[in-house]
Amino acid sequence: MALLMDYAKALWEIAAICAVQALMLAQVAFGYYRLKGDVPEGVTMREDLPKEATLSIVIPAYREAATIEATLRRVAQAASWPSRCEVIVVDAGGGDDTMPIVRRLKKELDFDIKTTTSTGGRGPPVAAGAAKAKGQALLVLHADTLLPYAFDDRIIEALGGNYACCFKFAVDRSQIHWKGLLRWLRLLPFDVMERTVSIRSGFFQLPFGDQAIACRKTTYAALGGFDDLAKAPMLEDYLLVQKLRRLGKALGTRCITQLGVPARCHPRRWLARPVWRVNWTNQVIMVQ
C-alpha cells in the first residue's frame, strides 16, 4: 500500500508541475508582449569582443560550504583558457566554512581566485564582485551551479554578437539518489521544468540566475548594476534581465543568447520541497 501511495504521489506531482509550468509560460508570454522598450543611457551598440577578451566570474556566497568546492573545481577544470579568467568569491557573511574552503582552494588550484566581502542579500554581493572584476565580460555564477566545459569560449563568442548570454537550465541529477521505476517517475517533473525553462529563457528572453547569466561589464554598469540593482536584496538577476528584455524590445531584437549547453544546478531546493511547489512559489514572487 505504501508503494502505491508513493506512485500516486509521483503521478500527482507530474500533473502539478505540468500545470504550474503551463501557467508560468502563459504569464511570461503575456508579460513579454506587454513589455515596453527602453534604451538606458550609456548602452552602446553591439560590437565584437576579441577572442582574447578576459572573463570575470563573480560567485556570491552565503553559507555555501556544501557546494562551493565542487563549483570552483569545475570552473578550474572547464575553462578552455584559464589565464584569461578570474574568479571573485564574495563573502556575504554566512559565517560557516565557505570562505575557509575558498582560501584552501585558492592555494591548491592553478587558477586566479580572489575574495571580497559584502553585506547580505543578492544585489550587494554581485555588485561588490563586479566592482573588483578586471574582465571585459562578467559572469554571475551561483555557488551551487556547475558550468559546462569550454564555458569561457562560449561566453566570449556569444557576447561578440549580443549584449548578454546564458546557458540552458538543467538539474544535476548526479545529486539525486532515487532508485527503480519510482526514480524515473520522480525525475519527470525535472524534465518538464527543464524543457519549459528553455522556452521561457530562449523564446521569451527570461533566464534566471541559475542559468549563469553573462554580459559585458560596461553593459552591466549601463543597466544599473552598480546603482539600483546593487541595492536589490533579492531578484537582482530578474531585474537585470527585465532591463535587457526592454532593451531588446526597443531595438527590435533579442538581447540574450541562450547557449546550447546547460549549466547544472544542485537540486537541493527541489529535494526539500516538491518541484511544483518551489516553482509555484517563484511564480507568486514574480507577480508581486
C-alpha atoms as a PDB file:
ATOM      1  CA  MET A   1       0.000   0.000   0.000  1.00  0.00           C
ATOM      2  CA  ALA A   2       2.815   2.404   0.868  1.00  0.00           C
ATOM      3  CA  LEU A   3       4.401   1.779  -2.551  1.00  0.00           C
ATOM      4  CA  LEU A   4       1.115   2.508  -4.310  1.00  0.00           C
ATOM      5  CA  MET A   5       0.818   5.731  -2.361  1.00  0.00           C
ATOM      6  CA  ASP A   6       4.345   6.688  -3.474  1.00  0.00           C
ATOM      7  CA  TYR A   7       3.421   6.076  -7.116  1.00  0.00           C
ATOM      8  CA  ALA A   8       0.206   8.072  -6.744  1.00  0.00           C
ATOM      9  CA  LYS A   9       2.143  10.938  -5.189  1.00  0.00           C
ATOM     10  CA  ALA A  10       4.690  10.861  -8.032  1.00  0.00           C
ATOM     11  CA  LEU A  11       1.905  10.976 -10.641  1.00  0.00           C
ATOM     12  CA  TRP A  12       0.235  13.866  -8.813  1.00  0.00           C
ATOM     13  CA  GLU A  13       3.495  15.815  -8.785  1.00  0.00           C
ATOM     14  CA  ILE A  14       3.912  15.255 -12.540  1.00  0.00           C
ATOM     15  CA  ALA A  15       0.432  16.640 -13.184  1.00  0.00           C
ATOM     16  CA  ALA A  16       1.035  19.531 -10.804  1.00  0.00           C
ATOM     17  CA  ILE A  17       4.331  20.610 -12.387  1.00  0.00           C
ATOM     18  CA  CYS A  18       2.786  20.449 -15.871  1.00  0.00           C
ATOM     19  CA  ALA A  19       0.028  22.797 -14.717  1.00  0.00           C
ATOM     20  CA  VAL A  20       2.411  25.168 -12.908  1.00  0.00           C
ATOM     21  CA  GLN A  21       4.824  25.379 -15.840  1.00  0.00           C
ATOM     22  CA  ALA A  22       1.996  25.917 -18.348  1.00  0.00           C
ATOM     23  CA  LEU A  23       0.741  28.768 -16.192  1.00  0.00           C
ATOM     24  CA  MET A  24       4.274  30.126 -15.985  1.00  0.00           C
ATOM     25  CA  LEU A  25       4.645  30.189 -19.770  1.00  0.00           C
ATOM     26  CA  ALA A  26       1.273  31.898 -20.158  1.00  0.00           C
ATOM     27  CA  GLN A  27       2.207  34.516 -17.571  1.00  0.00           C
ATOM     28  CA  VAL A  28       5.630  35.117 -19.126  1.00  0.00           C
ATOM     29  CA  ALA A  29       4.192  35.348 -22.648  1.00  0.00           C
ATOM     30  CA  PHE A  30       1.578  37.882 -21.543  1.00  0.00           C
ATOM     31  CA  GLY A  31       4.202  39.973 -19.780  1.00  0.00           C
ATOM     32  CA  TYR A  32       6.635  39.779 -22.680  1.00  0.00           C
ATOM     33  CA  TYR A  33       4.215  41.068 -25.275  1.00  0.00           C
ATOM     34  CA  ARG A  34       3.102  43.896 -22.969  1.00  0.00           C
ATOM     35  CA  LEU A  35       6.689  44.887 -22.213  1.00  0.00           C
ATOM     36  CA  LYS A  36       7.687  48.366 -23.395  1.00  0.00           C
ATOM     37  CA  GLY A  37      11.077  49.095 -24.895  1.00  0.00           C
ATOM     38  CA  ASP A  38      13.711  51.244 -23.242  1.00  0.00           C
ATOM     39  CA  VAL A  39      17.327  52.049 -24.098  1.00  0.00           C
ATOM     40  CA  PRO A  40      19.163  53.116 -20.918  1.00  0.00           C
ATOM     41  CA  GLU A  41      21.676  55.910 -21.198  1.00  0.00           C
ATOM     42  CA  GLY A  42      25.183  54.569 -21.668  1.00  0.00           C
ATOM     43  CA  VAL A  43      24.258  51.390 -23.525  1.00  0.00           C
ATOM     44  CA  THR A  44      26.457  51.143 -26.617  1.00  0.00           C
ATOM     45  CA  MET A  45      25.891  49.298 -29.867  1.00  0.00           C
ATOM     46  CA  ARG A  46      26.902  45.662 -30.021  1.00  0.00           C
ATOM     47  CA  GLU A  47      30.457  45.109 -31.145  1.00  0.00           C
ATOM     48  CA  ASP A  48      32.814  42.195 -31.409  1.00  0.00           C
ATOM     49  CA  LEU A  49      34.816  41.022 -28.452  1.00  0.00           C
ATOM     50  CA  PRO A  50      38.353  39.872 -29.243  1.00  0.00           C
ATOM     51  CA  LYS A  51      38.944  36.167 -28.729  1.00  0.00           C
ATOM     52  CA  GLU A  52      41.471  37.022 -26.046  1.00  0.00           C
ATOM     53  CA  ALA A  53      38.909  39.055 -24.056  1.00  0.00           C
ATOM     54  CA  THR A  54      39.023  38.446 -20.317  1.00  0.00           C
ATOM     55  CA  LEU A  55      36.216  36.992 -18.212  1.00  0.00           C
ATOM     56  CA  SER A  56      35.449  37.667 -14.555  1.00  0.00           C
ATOM     57  CA  ILE A  57      33.317  35.089 -12.729  1.00  0.00           C
ATOM     58  CA  VAL A  58      31.515  36.523  -9.705  1.00  0.00           C
ATOM     59  CA  ILE A  59      30.227  33.990  -7.159  1.00  0.00           C
ATOM     60  CA  PRO A  60      28.095  35.384  -4.301  1.00  0.00           C
ATOM     61  CA  ALA A  61      28.489  33.016  -1.365  1.00  0.00           C
ATOM     62  CA  TYR A  62      26.245  32.821   1.687  1.00  0.00           C
ATOM     63  CA  ARG A  63      26.539  29.567   3.645  1.00  0.00           C
ATOM     64  CA  GLU A  64      27.660  27.567   0.606  1.00  0.00           C
ATOM     65  CA  ALA A  65      30.134  25.232   2.300  1.00  0.00           C
ATOM     66  CA  ALA A  66      28.330  22.184   0.911  1.00  0.00           C
ATOM     67  CA  THR A  67      28.664  23.210  -2.742  1.00  0.00           C
ATOM     68  CA  ILE A  68      31.384  25.837  -3.217  1.00  0.00           C
ATOM     69  CA  GLU A  69      34.253  23.357  -3.613  1.00  0.00           C
ATOM     70  CA  ALA A  70      32.597  21.434  -6.458  1.00  0.00           C
ATOM     71  CA  THR A  71      31.696  24.703  -8.177  1.00  0.00           C
ATOM     72  CA  LEU A  72      35.227  26.120  -8.011  1.00  0.00           C
ATOM     73  CA  ARG A  73      36.845  22.866  -9.093  1.00  0.00           C
ATOM     74  CA  ARG A  74      34.551  22.683 -12.111  1.00  0.00           C
ATOM     75  CA  VAL A  75      35.401  26.282 -13.080  1.00  0.00           C
ATOM     76  CA  ALA A  76      39.111  25.478 -12.941  1.00  0.00           C
ATOM     77  CA  GLN A  77      38.678  22.239 -14.928  1.00  0.00           C
ATOM     78  CA  ALA A  78      36.183  23.503 -17.501  1.00  0.00           C
ATOM     79  CA  ALA A  79      37.862  26.725 -18.621  1.00  0.00           C
ATOM     80  CA  SER A  80      39.467  26.278 -22.026  1.00  0.00           C
ATOM     81  CA  TRP A  81      41.730  29.286 -21.457  1.00  0.00           C
ATOM     82  CA  PRO A  82      42.282  29.642 -17.682  1.00  0.00           C
ATOM     83  CA  SER A  83      44.734  32.518 -17.981  1.00  0.00           C
ATOM     84  CA  ARG A  84      42.032  34.871 -19.260  1.00  0.00           C
ATOM     85  CA  CYS A  85      39.622  34.023 -16.415  1.00  0.00           C
ATOM     86  CA  GLU A  86      39.396  35.166 -12.827  1.00  0.00           C
ATOM     87  CA  VAL A  87      37.024  34.102 -10.061  1.00  0.00           C
ATOM     88  CA  ILE A  88      35.803  36.527  -7.410  1.00  0.00           C
ATOM     89  CA  VAL A  89      34.067  34.844  -4.473  1.00  0.00           C
ATOM     90  CA  VAL A  90      32.045  37.343  -2.464  1.00  0.00           C
ATOM     91  CA  ASP A  91      31.588  36.521   1.205  1.00  0.00           C
ATOM     92  CA  ALA A  92      28.057  37.647   2.073  1.00  0.00           C
ATOM     93  CA  GLY A  93      28.540  36.993   5.778  1.00  0.00           C
ATOM     94  CA  GLY A  94      27.212  33.496   6.286  1.00  0.00           C
ATOM     95  CA  GLY A  95      29.766  32.669   8.962  1.00  0.00           C
ATOM     96  CA  ASP A  96      30.161  28.994   8.002  1.00  0.00           C
ATOM     97  CA  ASP A  97      33.119  27.145   6.422  1.00  0.00           C
ATOM     98  CA  THR A  98      32.570  28.603   2.928  1.00  0.00           C
ATOM     99  CA  MET A  99      35.456  31.060   2.944  1.00  0.00           C
ATOM    100  CA  PRO A 100      37.993  28.719   4.602  1.00  0.00           C
ATOM    101  CA  ILE A 101      37.250  26.254   1.792  1.00  0.00           C
ATOM    102  CA  VAL A 102      37.729  29.014  -0.780  1.00  0.00           C
ATOM    103  CA  ARG A 103      41.050  30.055   0.758  1.00  0.00           C
ATOM    104  CA  ARG A 104      42.245  26.428   0.704  1.00  0.00           C
ATOM    105  CA  LEU A 105      41.303  26.023  -2.952  1.00  0.00           C
ATOM    106  CA  LYS A 106      42.944  29.340  -3.777  1.00  0.00           C
ATOM    107  CA  LYS A 107      46.258  27.763  -2.760  1.00  0.00           C
ATOM    108  CA  GLU A 108      45.516  24.371  -4.256  1.00  0.00           C
ATOM    109  CA  LEU A 109      44.099  25.182  -7.695  1.00  0.00           C
ATOM    110  CA  ASP A 110      46.093  26.661 -10.547  1.00  0.00           C
ATOM    111  CA  PHE A 111      43.512  29.386 -11.094  1.00  0.00           C
ATOM    112  CA  ASP A 112      43.119  33.074 -10.303  1.00  0.00           C
ATOM    113  CA  ILE A 113      40.738  33.146  -7.316  1.00  0.00           C
ATOM    114  CA  LYS A 114      40.096  36.383  -5.457  1.00  0.00           C
ATOM    115  CA  THR A 115      37.845  37.124  -2.498  1.00  0.00           C
ATOM    116  CA  THR A 116      35.979  40.138  -1.214  1.00  0.00           C
ATOM    117  CA  THR A 117      33.200  40.842   1.272  1.00  0.00           C
ATOM    118  CA  SER A 118      29.757  42.377   1.117  1.00  0.00           C
ATOM    119  CA  THR A 119      26.561  42.808   3.054  1.00  0.00           C
ATOM    120  CA  GLY A 120      23.873  40.162   2.689  1.00  0.00           C
ATOM    121  CA  GLY A 121      21.171  39.750   0.083  1.00  0.00           C
ATOM    122  CA  ARG A 122      21.808  39.181  -3.618  1.00  0.00           C
ATOM    123  CA  GLY A 123      22.356  42.558  -5.282  1.00  0.00           C
ATOM    124  CA  PRO A 124      25.110  43.897  -2.970  1.00  0.00           C
ATOM    125  CA  PRO A 125      27.409  40.830  -3.278  1.00  0.00           C
ATOM    126  CA  VAL A 126      27.070  40.753  -7.074  1.00  0.00           C
ATOM    127  CA  ALA A 127      27.864  44.476  -7.298  1.00  0.00           C
ATOM    128  CA  ALA A 128      30.819  44.093  -4.909  1.00  0.00           C
ATOM    129  CA  GLY A 129      32.276  41.321  -7.040  1.00  0.00           C
ATOM    130  CA  ALA A 130      31.647  43.209 -10.273  1.00  0.00           C
ATOM    131  CA  ALA A 131      33.381  46.299  -8.846  1.00  0.00           C
ATOM    132  CA  LYS A 132      36.520  44.232  -8.269  1.00  0.00           C
ATOM    133  CA  ALA A 133      36.328  42.480 -11.639  1.00  0.00           C
ATOM    134  CA  LYS A 134      39.010  43.238 -14.225  1.00  0.00           C
ATOM    135  CA  GLY A 135      37.457  41.277 -17.081  1.00  0.00           C
ATOM    136  CA  GLN A 136      35.748  42.761 -20.104  1.00  0.00           C
ATOM    137  CA  ALA A 137      32.985  40.172 -19.677  1.00  0.00           C
ATOM    138  CA  LEU A 138      31.173  39.412 -16.443  1.00  0.00           C
ATOM    139  CA  LEU A 139      29.603  36.087 -15.453  1.00  0.00           C
ATOM    140  CA  VAL A 140      27.477  35.806 -12.321  1.00  0.00           C
ATOM    141  CA  LEU A 141      27.598  32.214 -11.125  1.00  0.00           C
ATOM    142  CA  HIS A 142      25.570  30.707  -8.297  1.00  0.00           C
ATOM    143  CA  ALA A 143      27.668  28.777  -5.804  1.00  0.00           C
ATOM    144  CA  ASP A 144      25.718  25.561  -6.436  1.00  0.00           C
ATOM    145  CA  THR A 145      25.954  25.579 -10.237  1.00  0.00           C
ATOM    146  CA  LEU A 146      28.381  23.618 -12.431  1.00  0.00           C
ATOM    147  CA  LEU A 147      29.485  25.212 -15.699  1.00  0.00           C
ATOM    148  CA  PRO A 148      29.906  23.247 -18.947  1.00  0.00           C
ATOM    149  CA  TYR A 149      33.318  22.650 -20.457  1.00  0.00           C
ATOM    150  CA  ALA A 150      34.756  25.487 -22.576  1.00  0.00           C
ATOM    151  CA  PHE A 151      32.291  27.876 -20.937  1.00  0.00           C
ATOM    152  CA  ASP A 152      34.663  30.806 -21.409  1.00  0.00           C
ATOM    153  CA  ASP A 153      34.962  30.296 -25.177  1.00  0.00           C
ATOM    154  CA  ARG A 154      31.181  30.041 -25.487  1.00  0.00           C
ATOM    155  CA  ILE A 155      30.570  33.197 -23.474  1.00  0.00           C
ATOM    156  CA  ILE A 156      33.144  35.350 -25.252  1.00  0.00           C
ATOM    157  CA  GLU A 157      31.851  34.215 -28.649  1.00  0.00           C
ATOM    158  CA  ALA A 158      28.222  34.913 -27.705  1.00  0.00           C
ATOM    159  CA  LEU A 159      28.978  38.353 -26.275  1.00  0.00           C
ATOM    160  CA  GLY A 160      30.728  39.238 -29.510  1.00  0.00           C
ATOM    161  CA  GLY A 161      27.318  39.275 -31.179  1.00  0.00           C
ATOM    162  CA  ASN A 162      24.910  40.136 -28.398  1.00  0.00           C
ATOM    163  CA  TYR A 163      24.523  42.058 -25.139  1.00  0.00           C
ATOM    164  CA  ALA A 164      24.142  39.064 -22.826  1.00  0.00           C
ATOM    165  CA  CYS A 165      24.002  35.290 -22.784  1.00  0.00           C
ATOM    166  CA  CYS A 166      23.048  32.426 -20.524  1.00  0.00           C
ATOM    167  CA  PHE A 167      23.320  28.666 -20.510  1.00  0.00           C
ATOM    168  CA  LYS A 168      20.419  26.273 -20.775  1.00  0.00           C
ATOM    169  CA  PHE A 169      18.929  25.235 -17.453  1.00  0.00           C
ATOM    170  CA  ALA A 170      19.491  21.738 -16.100  1.00  0.00           C
ATOM    171  CA  VAL A 171      19.400  19.978 -12.756  1.00  0.00           C
ATOM    172  CA  ASP A 172      22.438  17.999 -11.636  1.00  0.00           C
ATOM    173  CA  ARG A 173      20.890  14.526 -11.497  1.00  0.00           C
ATOM    174  CA  SER A 174      24.065  13.015 -10.032  1.00  0.00           C
ATOM    175  CA  GLN A 175      22.888  14.518  -6.720  1.00  0.00           C
ATOM    176  CA  ILE A 176      19.556  12.669  -6.847  1.00  0.00           C
ATOM    177  CA  HIS A 177      19.800   9.171  -5.394  1.00  0.00           C
ATOM    178  CA  TRP A 178      16.362   7.695  -6.002  1.00  0.00           C
ATOM    179  CA  LYS A 179      16.193   4.172  -7.485  1.00  0.00           C
ATOM    180  CA  GLY A 180      13.930   1.969  -9.591  1.00  0.00           C
ATOM    181  CA  LEU A 181      10.804   2.876 -11.547  1.00  0.00           C
ATOM    182  CA  LEU A 182       9.832   5.363  -8.879  1.00  0.00           C
ATOM    183  CA  ARG A 183      13.069   7.265  -9.642  1.00  0.00           C
ATOM    184  CA  TRP A 184      12.022   7.585 -13.300  1.00  0.00           C
ATOM    185  CA  LEU A 185       8.602   8.924 -12.337  1.00  0.00           C
ATOM    186  CA  ARG A 186      10.015  11.328  -9.746  1.00  0.00           C
ATOM    187  CA  LEU A 187      12.532  12.683 -12.277  1.00  0.00           C
ATOM    188  CA  LEU A 188       9.842  13.560 -14.832  1.00  0.00           C
ATOM    189  CA  PRO A 189       8.992  16.884 -13.121  1.00  0.00           C
ATOM    190  CA  PHE A 190      12.617  17.909 -13.642  1.00  0.00           C
ATOM    191  CA  ASP A 191      12.324  17.068 -17.358  1.00  0.00           C
ATOM    192  CA  VAL A 192       9.159  19.183 -17.620  1.00  0.00           C
ATOM    193  CA  MET A 193      10.845  22.041 -15.782  1.00  0.00           C
ATOM    194  CA  GLU A 194      13.959  21.963 -17.969  1.00  0.00           C
ATOM    195  CA  ARG A 195      12.003  21.957 -21.229  1.00  0.00           C
ATOM    196  CA  THR A 196       9.673  24.783 -20.220  1.00  0.00           C
ATOM    197  CA  VAL A 197      12.509  26.879 -18.798  1.00  0.00           C
ATOM    198  CA  SER A 198      14.291  26.532 -22.141  1.00  0.00           C
ATOM    199  CA  ILE A 199      11.244  28.073 -23.827  1.00  0.00           C
ATOM    200  CA  ARG A 200      10.982  30.782 -21.190  1.00  0.00           C
ATOM    201  CA  SER A 201      14.620  31.836 -21.429  1.00  0.00           C
ATOM    202  CA  GLY A 202      15.110  31.330 -25.168  1.00  0.00           C
ATOM    203  CA  PHE A 203      11.899  32.483 -26.806  1.00  0.00           C
ATOM    204  CA  PHE A 204      10.620  34.835 -24.106  1.00  0.00           C
ATOM    205  CA  GLN A 205      14.082  36.045 -23.039  1.00  0.00           C
ATOM    206  CA  LEU A 206      13.657  35.373 -19.322  1.00  0.00           C
ATOM    207  CA  PRO A 207      16.533  33.337 -17.871  1.00  0.00           C
ATOM    208  CA  PHE A 208      17.149  33.219 -14.128  1.00  0.00           C
ATOM    209  CA  GLY A 209      20.428  33.386 -12.261  1.00  0.00           C
ATOM    210  CA  ASP A 210      20.814  29.609 -12.007  1.00  0.00           C
ATOM    211  CA  GLN A 211      21.492  29.640 -15.765  1.00  0.00           C
ATOM    212  CA  ALA A 212      24.721  31.631 -15.252  1.00  0.00           C
ATOM    213  CA  ILE A 213      23.953  34.962 -16.926  1.00  0.00           C
ATOM    214  CA  ALA A 214      26.871  36.793 -18.553  1.00  0.00           C
ATOM    215  CA  CYS A 215      27.247  40.237 -20.121  1.00  0.00           C
ATOM    216  CA  ARG A 216      29.889  42.826 -20.798  1.00  0.00           C
ATOM    217  CA  LYS A 217      30.945  44.751 -17.717  1.00  0.00           C
ATOM    218  CA  THR A 218      30.065  48.010 -19.497  1.00  0.00           C
ATOM    219  CA  THR A 219      26.561  46.685 -20.192  1.00  0.00           C
ATOM    220  CA  TYR A 220      26.153  45.675 -16.555  1.00  0.00           C
ATOM    221  CA  ALA A 221      27.111  49.186 -15.442  1.00  0.00           C
ATOM    222  CA  ALA A 222      24.861  50.892 -18.013  1.00  0.00           C
ATOM    223  CA  LEU A 223      21.889  48.795 -16.878  1.00  0.00           C
ATOM    224  CA  GLY A 224      22.284  49.913 -13.274  1.00  0.00           C
ATOM    225  CA  GLY A 225      24.413  47.086 -11.911  1.00  0.00           C
ATOM    226  CA  PHE A 226      26.254  49.429  -9.561  1.00  0.00           C
ATOM    227  CA  ASP A 227      23.172  51.525  -8.762  1.00  0.00           C
ATOM    228  CA  ASP A 228      19.613  50.223  -8.366  1.00  0.00           C
ATOM    229  CA  LEU A 229      20.488  46.558  -8.948  1.00  0.00           C
ATOM    230  CA  ALA A 230      23.185  46.794  -6.275  1.00  0.00           C
ATOM    231  CA  LYS A 231      20.512  47.701  -3.713  1.00  0.00           C
ATOM    232  CA  ALA A 232      18.193  44.795  -4.508  1.00  0.00           C
ATOM    233  CA  PRO A 233      18.096  42.315  -1.586  1.00  0.00           C
ATOM    234  CA  MET A 234      16.860  39.608  -3.956  1.00  0.00           C
ATOM    235  CA  LEU A 235      15.831  39.034  -7.596  1.00  0.00           C
ATOM    236  CA  GLU A 236      18.720  41.137  -8.882  1.00  0.00           C
ATOM    237  CA  ASP A 237      19.054  38.673 -11.782  1.00  0.00           C
ATOM    238  CA  TYR A 238      15.381  39.146 -12.680  1.00  0.00           C
ATOM    239  CA  LEU A 239      15.741  42.950 -12.600  1.00  0.00           C
ATOM    240  CA  LEU A 240      18.815  42.816 -14.848  1.00  0.00           C
ATOM    241  CA  VAL A 241      17.086  40.501 -17.306  1.00  0.00           C
ATOM    242  CA  GLN A 242      13.999  42.728 -17.393  1.00  0.00           C
ATOM    243  CA  LYS A 243      16.209  45.645 -18.430  1.00  0.00           C
ATOM    244  CA  LEU A 244      17.781  43.509 -21.151  1.00  0.00           C
ATOM    245  CA  ARG A 245      14.320  42.490 -22.361  1.00  0.00           C
ATOM    246  CA  ARG A 246      13.218  46.133 -22.540  1.00  0.00           C
ATOM    247  CA  LEU A 247      16.392  46.957 -24.448  1.00  0.00           C
ATOM    248  CA  GLY A 248      15.605  44.155 -26.882  1.00  0.00           C
ATOM    249  CA  LYS A 249      12.068  45.451 -27.342  1.00  0.00           C
ATOM    250  CA  ALA A 250      13.370  48.941 -28.107  1.00  0.00           C
ATOM    251  CA  LEU A 251      15.909  47.623 -30.607  1.00  0.00           C
ATOM    252  CA  GLY A 252      13.565  45.064 -32.162  1.00  0.00           C
ATOM    253  CA  THR A 253      15.831  42.136 -31.350  1.00  0.00           C
ATOM    254  CA  ARG A 254      16.613  39.578 -28.659  1.00  0.00           C
ATOM    255  CA  CYS A 255      19.430  40.771 -26.431  1.00  0.00           C
ATOM    256  CA  ILE A 256      20.045  37.496 -24.572  1.00  0.00           C
ATOM    257  CA  THR A 257      21.540  34.489 -26.350  1.00  0.00           C
ATOM    258  CA  GLN A 258      20.696  31.139 -24.784  1.00  0.00           C
ATOM    259  CA  LEU A 259      23.665  28.859 -25.371  1.00  0.00           C
ATOM    260  CA  GLY A 260      23.094  25.290 -26.484  1.00  0.00           C
ATOM    261  CA  VAL A 261      24.702  23.578 -23.489  1.00  0.00           C
ATOM    262  CA  PRO A 262      23.454  23.531 -19.889  1.00  0.00           C
ATOM    263  CA  ALA A 263      24.756  24.792 -16.607  1.00  0.00           C
ATOM    264  CA  ARG A 264      23.717  22.238 -13.995  1.00  0.00           C
ATOM    265  CA  CYS A 265      22.431  23.463 -10.655  1.00  0.00           C
ATOM    266  CA  HIS A 266      22.199  21.452  -7.461  1.00  0.00           C
ATOM    267  CA  PRO A 267      18.667  20.077  -6.855  1.00  0.00           C
ATOM    268  CA  ARG A 268      18.693  20.754  -3.098  1.00  0.00           C
ATOM    269  CA  ARG A 269      15.723  23.156  -3.101  1.00  0.00           C
ATOM    270  CA  TRP A 270      13.569  20.717  -5.110  1.00  0.00           C
ATOM    271  CA  LEU A 271      14.585  17.795  -2.908  1.00  0.00           C
ATOM    272  CA  ALA A 272      13.479  19.686   0.187  1.00  0.00           C
ATOM    273  CA  ARG A 273      10.073  20.521  -1.321  1.00  0.00           C
ATOM    274  CA  PRO A 274       8.125  19.221  -4.357  1.00  0.00           C
ATOM    275  CA  VAL A 275       9.239  20.690  -7.684  1.00  0.00           C
ATOM    276  CA  TRP A 276       5.821  22.126  -8.435  1.00  0.00           C
ATOM    277  CA  ARG A 277       5.587  23.852  -5.049  1.00  0.00           C
ATOM    278  CA  VAL A 278       9.007  25.511  -5.370  1.00  0.00           C
ATOM    279  CA  ASN A 279       8.170  26.760  -8.867  1.00  0.00           C
ATOM    280  CA  TRP A 280       4.711  27.917  -7.809  1.00  0.00           C
ATOM    281  CA  THR A 281       6.320  29.987  -5.050  1.00  0.00           C
ATOM    282  CA  ASN A 282       8.668  31.529  -7.633  1.00  0.00           C
ATOM    283  CA  GLN A 283       5.695  32.457  -9.800  1.00  0.00           C
ATOM    284  CA  VAL A 284       3.927  34.134  -6.888  1.00  0.00           C
ATOM    285  CA  ILE A 285       7.045  36.170  -6.108  1.00  0.00           C
ATOM    286  CA  MET A 286       7.406  37.244  -9.753  1.00  0.00           C
ATOM    287  CA  VAL A 287       3.902  38.727  -9.959  1.00  0.00           C
ATOM    288  CA  GLN A 288       4.263  40.733  -6.757  1.00  0.00           C
END
